Amino acid sequence: MKNTVFWVIFGVFSAGFRAEDAEAEAEDPPLKWRDADGLEIEIIKKIPEENCGIKSQGGDLVDQFYKLSDEDGTEVGSNFGKKPYTFTLGRNQVIAGMDRAMRGMCVGEMRRVLVGLFRANPGDFWTTEHGIQIEQTHKIAADMPCRKAERGDKIWQQYVLRLEDNTLVDSSYSRNAPFVFRLYNREVIDGMDIAMDGMCEGERRRVVIPSEYGYGAQGSPPEIPGGARLFFEIVLEKLVKRDEL
């Protein structure tokens, strides 16, 4: 399992900023820089200072367009051609790296941002009795506590779904929000319930689900053809036990 790197292209829509004023900088900022903690930012579409009437800062409401890719350049999620993602800077509404990367941007500016390096701890691979293939791309270390997903638990899941030919079907990252459901409560396909059973909070898995535990012979047109196997990358981001609900 390779280390996972997220590359994000930010485009700020003109309706995004809500601030009274912004001071022009005395000098142009560098086009590429790296912070002490490894956050890398590159301006790939610069707005001339004379055309930049306002720059983003904490407390501003921004509209953001983005494309999220892994280290191989494979697209994981995007909202280009869709509605912008709207959030307020400095309010913990997005990951810390994204919040910092959006500071000081002009309306219409675009940046390429390396927001983090995840170091995976690869685990086991097995096939269930249902024919579902499961690979632990990041396993919780044995000396760390593991809260395991069980029937009735509430799960916050991030996922990427592809077909066998690598066609991207859907991704929770495109919505900037995890998918929330209860395990074995008929809220997801049967194969996903099985694939996440016993998964630790914070664990990551690569899962292949046969069609009989996915969308069956009928599929889910037009995105998923009948009889299609489903290829998921999943993360159990958060878990609330049934007796805690």
C-alpha atoms as a PDB file:
ATOM      1  CA  MET A   1       0.000   0.000   0.000  1.00  0.00           C
ATOM      2  CA  LYS A   2       1.455   3.330  -1.054  1.00  0.00           C
ATOM      3  CA  ASN A   3       1.371   6.343   1.176  1.00  0.00           C
ATOM      4  CA  THR A   4      -1.687   8.375   0.306  1.00  0.00           C
ATOM      5  CA  VAL A   5      -1.231  11.986  -0.782  1.00  0.00           C
ATOM      6  CA  PHE A   6      -4.158  14.252  -1.544  1.00  0.00           C
ATOM      7  CA  TRP A   7      -3.729  16.918  -4.200  1.00  0.00           C
ATOM      8  CA  VAL A   8      -6.453  19.544  -4.247  1.00  0.00           C
ATOM      9  CA  ILE A   9      -7.108  22.290  -6.795  1.00  0.00           C
ATOM     10  CA  PHE A  10      -9.081  25.149  -5.313  1.00  0.00           C
ATOM     11  CA  GLY A  11     -11.081  27.607  -7.387  1.00  0.00           C
ATOM     12  CA  VAL A  12     -12.899  30.308  -5.474  1.00  0.00           C
ATOM     13  CA  PHE A  13     -16.200  31.444  -6.946  1.00  0.00           C
ATOM     14  CA  SER A  14     -16.866  35.173  -7.080  1.00  0.00           C
ATOM     15  CA  ALA A  15     -19.716  35.032  -4.551  1.00  0.00           C
ATOM     16  CA  GLY A  16     -17.494  33.369  -2.011  1.00  0.00           C
ATOM     17  CA  PHE A  17     -16.111  36.111   0.206  1.00  0.00           C
ATOM     18  CA  ARG A  18     -17.996  38.047   2.849  1.00  0.00           C
ATOM     19  CA  ALA A  19     -15.572  40.573   4.329  1.00  0.00           C
ATOM     20  CA  GLU A  20     -15.432  44.338   4.605  1.00  0.00           C
ATOM     21  CA  ASP A  21     -11.926  44.959   3.375  1.00  0.00           C
ATOM     22  CA  ALA A  22      -8.544  43.420   2.666  1.00  0.00           C
ATOM     23  CA  GLU A  23      -5.125  45.045   2.675  1.00  0.00           C
ATOM     24  CA  ALA A  24      -2.970  44.689  -0.392  1.00  0.00           C
ATOM     25  CA  GLU A  25       0.365  43.035   0.227  1.00  0.00           C
ATOM     26  CA  ALA A  26       3.497  45.081  -0.316  1.00  0.00           C
ATOM     27  CA  GLU A  27       5.130  42.315  -2.342  1.00  0.00           C
ATOM     28  CA  ASP A  28       3.843  39.453  -4.435  1.00  0.00           C
ATOM     29  CA  PRO A  29       3.791  36.166  -2.519  1.00  0.00           C
ATOM     30  CA  PRO A  30       5.946  33.293  -3.810  1.00  0.00           C
ATOM     31  CA  LEU A  31       4.173  31.056  -6.322  1.00  0.00           C
ATOM     32  CA  LYS A  32       5.106  27.916  -4.406  1.00  0.00           C
ATOM     33  CA  TRP A  33       5.962  27.333  -0.751  1.00  0.00           C
ATOM     34  CA  ARG A  34       6.091  24.688   1.948  1.00  0.00           C
ATOM     35  CA  ASP A  35       5.150  25.196   5.587  1.00  0.00           C
ATOM     36  CA  ALA A  36       7.128  23.679   8.457  1.00  0.00           C
ATOM     37  CA  ASP A  37       4.590  20.876   8.949  1.00  0.00           C
ATOM     38  CA  GLY A  38       4.777  19.796   5.299  1.00  0.00           C
ATOM     39  CA  LEU A  39       1.751  21.606   3.853  1.00  0.00           C
ATOM     40  CA  GLU A  40       2.698  22.516   0.251  1.00  0.00           C
ATOM     41  CA  ILE A  41       0.922  25.220  -1.741  1.00  0.00           C
ATOM     42  CA  GLU A  42       1.407  26.269  -5.354  1.00  0.00           C
ATOM     43  CA  ILE A  43      -0.489  29.070  -7.090  1.00  0.00           C
ATOM     44  CA  ILE A  44      -1.354  27.787 -10.566  1.00  0.00           C
ATOM     45  CA  LYS A  45      -3.673  30.635 -11.572  1.00  0.00           C
ATOM     46  CA  LYS A  46      -2.591  33.952 -10.104  1.00  0.00           C
ATOM     47  CA  ILE A  47      -4.863  36.997 -10.050  1.00  0.00           C
ATOM     48  CA  PRO A  48      -2.968  40.293 -10.616  1.00  0.00           C
ATOM     49  CA  GLU A  49      -2.961  42.504  -7.534  1.00  0.00           C
ATOM     50  CA  GLU A  50      -4.813  45.278  -9.360  1.00  0.00           C
ATOM     51  CA  ASN A  51      -7.662  42.817 -10.053  1.00  0.00           C
ATOM     52  CA  CYS A  52      -7.745  41.346  -6.566  1.00  0.00           C
ATOM     53  CA  GLY A  53     -10.104  43.539  -4.593  1.00  0.00           C
ATOM     54  CA  ILE A  54     -10.348  41.199  -1.621  1.00  0.00           C
ATOM     55  CA  LYS A  55      -8.406  38.289  -0.154  1.00  0.00           C
ATOM     56  CA  SER A  56      -9.806  35.485   1.976  1.00  0.00           C
ATOM     57  CA  GLN A  57      -9.238  35.550   5.713  1.00  0.00           C
ATOM     58  CA  GLY A  58     -10.636  33.981   8.870  1.00  0.00           C
ATOM     59  CA  GLY A  59     -14.364  34.482   9.251  1.00  0.00           C
ATOM     60  CA  ASP A  60     -15.017  34.847   5.500  1.00  0.00           C
ATOM     61  CA  LEU A  61     -17.688  32.709   3.843  1.00  0.00           C
ATOM     62  CA  VAL A  62     -16.155  31.112   0.748  1.00  0.00           C
ATOM     63  CA  ASP A  63     -17.442  29.107  -2.208  1.00  0.00           C
ATOM     64  CA  GLN A  64     -14.905  26.520  -3.291  1.00  0.00           C
ATOM     65  CA  PHE A  65     -14.457  24.281  -6.315  1.00  0.00           C
ATOM     66  CA  TYR A  66     -11.950  21.452  -5.995  1.00  0.00           C
ATOM     67  CA  LYS A  67     -10.514  18.308  -7.524  1.00  0.00           C
ATOM     68  CA  LEU A  68      -9.068  15.664  -5.220  1.00  0.00           C
ATOM     69  CA  SER A  69      -6.499  13.191  -6.541  1.00  0.00           C
ATOM     70  CA  ASP A  70      -4.212  10.555  -5.061  1.00  0.00           C
ATOM     71  CA  GLU A  71      -0.442  10.470  -5.495  1.00  0.00           C
ATOM     72  CA  ASP A  72      -0.750   8.636  -8.824  1.00  0.00           C
ATOM     73  CA  GLY A  73      -2.938  11.394 -10.225  1.00  0.00           C
ATOM     74  CA  THR A  74      -6.109   9.290 -10.107  1.00  0.00           C
ATOM     75  CA  GLU A  75      -9.126  11.492  -9.426  1.00  0.00           C
ATOM     76  CA  VAL A  76     -10.876  10.664  -6.156  1.00  0.00           C
ATOM     77  CA  GLY A  77     -13.504  13.390  -6.100  1.00  0.00           C
ATOM     78  CA  SER A  78     -14.458  16.697  -7.707  1.00  0.00           C
ATOM     79  CA  ASN A  79     -17.249  19.271  -7.591  1.00  0.00           C
ATOM     80  CA  PHE A  80     -16.368  21.058 -10.840  1.00  0.00           C
ATOM     81  CA  GLY A  81     -19.542  21.319 -12.896  1.00  0.00           C
ATOM     82  CA  LYS A  82     -21.587  21.027  -9.722  1.00  0.00           C
ATOM     83  CA  LYS A  83     -22.480  23.358  -6.877  1.00  0.00           C
ATOM     84  CA  PRO A  84     -19.554  24.943  -4.991  1.00  0.00           C
ATOM     85  CA  TYR A  85     -18.737  23.767  -1.488  1.00  0.00           C
ATOM     86  CA  THR A  86     -19.495  26.638   0.905  1.00  0.00           C
ATOM     87  CA  PHE A  87     -17.861  27.012   4.300  1.00  0.00           C
ATOM     88  CA  THR A  88     -16.502  29.641   6.697  1.00  0.00           C
ATOM     89  CA  LEU A  89     -12.752  29.920   7.141  1.00  0.00           C
ATOM     90  CA  GLY A  90     -11.455  29.428  10.658  1.00  0.00           C
ATOM     91  CA  ARG A  91     -14.539  27.603  11.977  1.00  0.00           C
ATOM     92  CA  ASN A  92     -13.250  24.001  11.841  1.00  0.00           C
ATOM     93  CA  GLN A  93     -15.657  23.224   9.009  1.00  0.00           C
ATOM     94  CA  VAL A  94     -12.959  21.626   6.827  1.00  0.00           C
ATOM     95  CA  ILE A  95      -9.659  19.858   7.474  1.00  0.00           C
ATOM     96  CA  ALA A  96      -6.967  22.104   8.929  1.00  0.00           C
ATOM     97  CA  GLY A  97      -4.746  21.957   5.833  1.00  0.00           C
ATOM     98  CA  MET A  98      -7.560  23.052   3.550  1.00  0.00           C
ATOM     99  CA  ASP A  99      -8.480  25.915   5.867  1.00  0.00           C
ATOM    100  CA  ARG A 100      -4.910  27.203   5.867  1.00  0.00           C
ATOM    101  CA  ALA A 101      -4.461  26.692   2.137  1.00  0.00           C
ATOM    102  CA  MET A 102      -7.466  28.894   1.368  1.00  0.00           C
ATOM    103  CA  ARG A 103      -6.157  31.892   3.318  1.00  0.00           C
ATOM    104  CA  GLY A 104      -5.049  34.921   1.318  1.00  0.00           C
ATOM    105  CA  MET A 105      -6.698  33.792  -1.929  1.00  0.00           C
ATOM    106  CA  CYS A 106      -8.142  36.165  -4.485  1.00  0.00           C
ATOM    107  CA  VAL A 107     -11.518  35.517  -6.095  1.00  0.00           C
ATOM    108  CA  GLY A 108     -10.846  33.274  -9.114  1.00  0.00           C
ATOM    109  CA  GLU A 109      -7.403  32.170  -7.933  1.00  0.00           C
ATOM    110  CA  MET A 110      -6.459  28.493  -8.205  1.00  0.00           C
ATOM    111  CA  ARG A 111      -3.979  26.589  -6.063  1.00  0.00           C
ATOM    112  CA  ARG A 112      -2.541  23.091  -6.031  1.00  0.00           C
ATOM    113  CA  VAL A 113      -2.149  21.902  -2.456  1.00  0.00           C
ATOM    114  CA  LEU A 114      -0.465  18.879  -0.908  1.00  0.00           C
ATOM    115  CA  VAL A 115      -2.582  18.611   2.222  1.00  0.00           C
ATOM    116  CA  GLY A 116      -1.128  15.593   3.923  1.00  0.00           C
ATOM    117  CA  LEU A 117       0.861  12.392   3.835  1.00  0.00           C
ATOM    118  CA  PHE A 118      -0.854   9.389   5.335  1.00  0.00           C
ATOM    119  CA  ARG A 119       1.481   6.566   6.329  1.00  0.00           C
ATOM    120  CA  ALA A 120      -0.389   3.315   6.036  1.00  0.00           C
ATOM    121  CA  ASN A 121       0.068   0.216   8.187  1.00  0.00           C
ATOM    122  CA  PRO A 122      -0.953  -2.580   5.797  1.00  0.00           C
ATOM    123  CA  GLY A 123      -2.790  -5.518   7.337  1.00  0.00           C
ATOM    124  CA  ASP A 124      -4.401  -8.742   6.190  1.00  0.00           C
ATOM    125  CA  PHE A 125      -6.272  -9.912   3.112  1.00  0.00           C
ATOM    126  CA  TRP A 126      -9.127 -12.404   3.114  1.00  0.00           C
ATOM    127  CA  THR A 127     -12.236 -13.504   1.241  1.00  0.00           C
ATOM    128  CA  THR A 128     -15.458 -13.951   3.191  1.00  0.00           C
ATOM    129  CA  GLU A 129     -17.811 -16.892   2.759  1.00  0.00           C
ATOM    130  CA  HIS A 130     -19.934 -14.546   0.636  1.00  0.00           C
ATOM    131  CA  GLY A 131     -17.089 -14.031  -1.847  1.00  0.00           C
ATOM    132  CA  ILE A 132     -16.317 -10.491  -0.682  1.00  0.00           C
ATOM    133  CA  GLN A 133     -12.599  -9.666  -0.898  1.00  0.00           C
ATOM    134  CA  ILE A 134     -11.246  -7.495   1.910  1.00  0.00           C
ATOM    135  CA  GLU A 135      -7.766  -5.980   2.171  1.00  0.00           C
ATOM    136  CA  GLN A 136      -6.730  -3.915   5.179  1.00  0.00           C
ATOM    137  CA  THR A 137      -4.835  -1.048   3.571  1.00  0.00           C
ATOM    138  CA  HIS A 138      -4.401   0.499   7.007  1.00  0.00           C
ATOM    139  CA  LYS A 139      -4.711  -1.691  10.088  1.00  0.00           C
ATOM    140  CA  ILE A 140      -4.899  -0.323  13.623  1.00  0.00           C
ATOM    141  CA  ALA A 141      -1.726  -1.350  15.451  1.00  0.00           C
ATOM    142  CA  ALA A 142      -2.059  -4.135  18.016  1.00  0.00           C
ATOM    143  CA  ASP A 143      -0.956  -1.845  20.847  1.00  0.00           C
ATOM    144  CA  MET A 144      -3.668   0.705  20.030  1.00  0.00           C
ATOM    145  CA  PRO A 145      -7.313   0.549  21.165  1.00  0.00           C
ATOM    146  CA  CYS A 146      -9.737  -0.748  18.534  1.00  0.00           C
ATOM    147  CA  ARG A 147     -13.434   0.130  18.632  1.00  0.00           C
ATOM    148  CA  LYS A 148     -14.967  -2.450  16.307  1.00  0.00           C
ATOM    149  CA  ALA A 149     -18.086  -1.936  14.207  1.00  0.00           C
ATOM    150  CA  GLU A 150     -20.946  -4.261  15.145  1.00  0.00           C
ATOM    151  CA  ARG A 151     -24.619  -4.665  14.292  1.00  0.00           C
ATOM    152  CA  GLY A 152     -26.623  -1.519  15.120  1.00  0.00           C
ATOM    153  CA  ASP A 153     -23.590   0.771  15.478  1.00  0.00           C
ATOM    154  CA  LYS A 154     -23.675   4.171  13.762  1.00  0.00           C
ATOM    155  CA  ILE A 155     -20.867   4.591  11.250  1.00  0.00           C
ATOM    156  CA  TRP A 156     -19.257   7.613   9.581  1.00  0.00           C
ATOM    157  CA  GLN A 157     -17.705   6.274   6.397  1.00  0.00           C
ATOM    158  CA  GLN A 158     -15.595   7.832   3.649  1.00  0.00           C
ATOM    159  CA  TYR A 159     -15.546   5.891   0.396  1.00  0.00           C
ATOM    160  CA  VAL A 160     -14.564   5.820  -3.244  1.00  0.00           C
ATOM    161  CA  LEU A 161     -16.489   3.495  -5.575  1.00  0.00           C
ATOM    162  CA  ARG A 162     -15.151   2.327  -8.939  1.00  0.00           C
ATOM    163  CA  LEU A 163     -16.080  -0.295 -11.487  1.00  0.00           C
ATOM    164  CA  GLU A 164     -13.754  -3.053 -12.653  1.00  0.00           C
ATOM    165  CA  ASP A 165     -12.464  -0.876 -15.522  1.00  0.00           C
ATOM    166  CA  ASN A 166     -11.532   1.818 -12.945  1.00  0.00           C
ATOM    167  CA  THR A 167     -14.464   4.087 -13.876  1.00  0.00           C
ATOM    168  CA  LEU A 168     -15.220   6.406 -10.969  1.00  0.00           C
ATOM    169  CA  VAL A 169     -18.855   5.972  -9.903  1.00  0.00           C
ATOM    170  CA  ASP A 170     -19.152   7.905  -6.658  1.00  0.00           C
ATOM    171  CA  SER A 171     -17.139   9.311  -3.774  1.00  0.00           C
ATOM    172  CA  SER A 172     -18.072  10.781  -0.413  1.00  0.00           C
ATOM    173  CA  TYR A 173     -15.063  13.096  -0.790  1.00  0.00           C
ATOM    174  CA  SER A 174     -16.916  14.868  -3.613  1.00  0.00           C
ATOM    175  CA  ARG A 175     -19.513  15.951  -1.061  1.00  0.00           C
ATOM    176  CA  ASN A 176     -16.990  16.920   1.617  1.00  0.00           C
ATOM    177  CA  ALA A 177     -18.939  14.815   4.090  1.00  0.00           C
ATOM    178  CA  PRO A 178     -18.835  11.202   5.239  1.00  0.00           C
ATOM    179  CA  PHE A 179     -21.694   8.802   4.551  1.00  0.00           C
ATOM    180  CA  VAL A 180     -23.499   8.016   7.813  1.00  0.00           C
ATOM    181  CA  PHE A 181     -25.488   4.827   8.390  1.00  0.00           C
ATOM    182  CA  ARG A 182     -26.223   2.091  10.919  1.00  0.00           C
ATOM    183  CA  LEU A 183     -24.680  -1.302  10.399  1.00  0.00           C
ATOM    184  CA  TYR A 184     -27.049  -4.128   9.366  1.00  0.00           C
ATOM    185  CA  ASN A 185     -30.006  -1.748   9.329  1.00  0.00           C
ATOM    186  CA  ARG A 186     -30.743  -2.180   5.589  1.00  0.00           C
ATOM    187  CA  GLU A 187     -29.372   1.297   4.843  1.00  0.00           C
ATOM    188  CA  VAL A 188     -26.606   0.122   2.480  1.00  0.00           C
ATOM    189  CA  ILE A 189     -26.030  -2.791   0.119  1.00  0.00           C
ATOM    190  CA  ASP A 190     -25.593  -6.131   1.889  1.00  0.00           C
ATOM    191  CA  GLY A 191     -21.967  -6.373   0.827  1.00  0.00           C
ATOM    192  CA  MET A 192     -21.072  -3.129   2.580  1.00  0.00           C
ATOM    193  CA  ASP A 193     -22.588  -4.294   5.870  1.00  0.00           C
ATOM    194  CA  ILE A 194     -20.494  -7.446   5.633  1.00  0.00           C
ATOM    195  CA  ALA A 195     -17.336  -5.588   4.561  1.00  0.00           C
ATOM    196  CA  MET A 196     -17.463  -3.200   7.539  1.00  0.00           C
ATOM    197  CA  ASP A 197     -18.417  -5.755  10.191  1.00  0.00           C
ATOM    198  CA  GLY A 198     -15.571  -5.909  12.729  1.00  0.00           C
ATOM    199  CA  MET A 199     -13.748  -2.935  11.222  1.00  0.00           C
ATOM    200  CA  CYS A 200     -11.881  -0.722  13.689  1.00  0.00           C
ATOM    201  CA  GLU A 201     -12.452   3.003  13.968  1.00  0.00           C
ATOM    202  CA  GLY A 202      -9.731   4.609  11.846  1.00  0.00           C
ATOM    203  CA  GLU A 203      -9.156   1.478   9.772  1.00  0.00           C
ATOM    204  CA  ARG A 204      -9.027   1.556   5.964  1.00  0.00           C
ATOM    205  CA  ARG A 205     -10.003  -1.239   3.626  1.00  0.00           C
ATOM    206  CA  ARG A 206     -10.026  -2.043  -0.080  1.00  0.00           C
ATOM    207  CA  VAL A 207     -13.109  -4.133  -0.820  1.00  0.00           C
ATOM    208  CA  VAL A 208     -14.425  -6.014  -3.843  1.00  0.00           C
ATOM    209  CA  ILE A 209     -18.122  -6.853  -3.631  1.00  0.00           C
ATOM    210  CA  PRO A 210     -19.713  -9.355  -6.061  1.00  0.00           C
ATOM    211  CA  SER A 211     -22.912  -8.246  -7.767  1.00  0.00           C
ATOM    212  CA  GLU A 212     -25.184 -10.530  -5.727  1.00  0.00           C
ATOM    213  CA  TYR A 213     -24.229  -8.530  -2.621  1.00  0.00           C
ATOM    214  CA  GLY A 214     -24.233  -5.238  -4.526  1.00  0.00           C
ATOM    215  CA  TYR A 215     -26.819  -4.144  -7.074  1.00  0.00           C
ATOM    216  CA  GLY A 216     -27.484  -7.563  -8.594  1.00  0.00           C
ATOM    217  CA  ALA A 217     -28.403  -8.392 -12.159  1.00  0.00           C
ATOM    218  CA  GLN A 218     -30.411  -5.177 -12.535  1.00  0.00           C
ATOM    219  CA  GLY A 219     -27.557  -2.883 -11.530  1.00  0.00           C
ATOM    220  CA  SER A 220     -28.184   0.783 -10.766  1.00  0.00           C
ATOM    221  CA  PRO A 221     -28.423   2.507 -14.175  1.00  0.00           C
ATOM    222  CA  PRO A 222     -26.866   4.454 -15.651  1.00  0.00           C
ATOM    223  CA  GLU A 223     -23.763   4.409 -13.450  1.00  0.00           C
ATOM    224  CA  ILE A 224     -23.658   0.714 -12.450  1.00  0.00           C
ATOM    225  CA  PRO A 225     -24.444  -1.958 -15.066  1.00  0.00           C
ATOM    226  CA  GLY A 226     -26.149  -5.202 -14.169  1.00  0.00           C
ATOM    227  CA  GLY A 227     -23.905  -7.900 -12.755  1.00  0.00           C
ATOM    228  CA  ALA A 228     -21.102  -5.452 -11.956  1.00  0.00           C
ATOM    229  CA  ARG A 229     -18.569  -6.106  -9.231  1.00  0.00           C
ATOM    230  CA  LEU A 230     -17.994  -3.072  -7.016  1.00  0.00           C
ATOM    231  CA  PHE A 231     -14.529  -1.865  -6.042  1.00  0.00           C
ATOM    232  CA  PHE A 232     -14.495   0.258  -2.887  1.00  0.00           C
ATOM    233  CA  GLU A 233     -11.853   2.132  -0.911  1.00  0.00           C
ATOM    234  CA  ILE A 234     -13.418   2.700   2.525  1.00  0.00           C
ATOM    235  CA  VAL A 235     -12.445   4.434   5.765  1.00  0.00           C
ATOM    236  CA  LEU A 236     -14.257   4.022   9.076  1.00  0.00           C
ATOM    237  CA  GLU A 237     -13.831   7.626  10.150  1.00  0.00           C
ATOM    238  CA  LYS A 238     -16.029   7.611  13.251  1.00  0.00           C
ATOM    239  CA  LEU A 239     -18.037   5.063  15.216  1.00  0.00           C
ATOM    240  CA  VAL A 240     -20.785   5.389  17.820  1.00  0.00           C
ATOM    241  CA  LYS A 241     -21.727   2.132  19.529  1.00  0.00           C
ATOM    242  CA  ARG A 242     -25.353   1.081  19.566  1.00  0.00           C
ATOM    243  CA  ASP A 243     -25.633   1.473  23.344  1.00  0.00           C
ATOM    244  CA  GLU A 244     -24.230   5.014  23.094  1.00  0.00           C
ATOM    245  CA  LEU A 245     -26.941   6.238  20.729  1.00  0.00           C
END
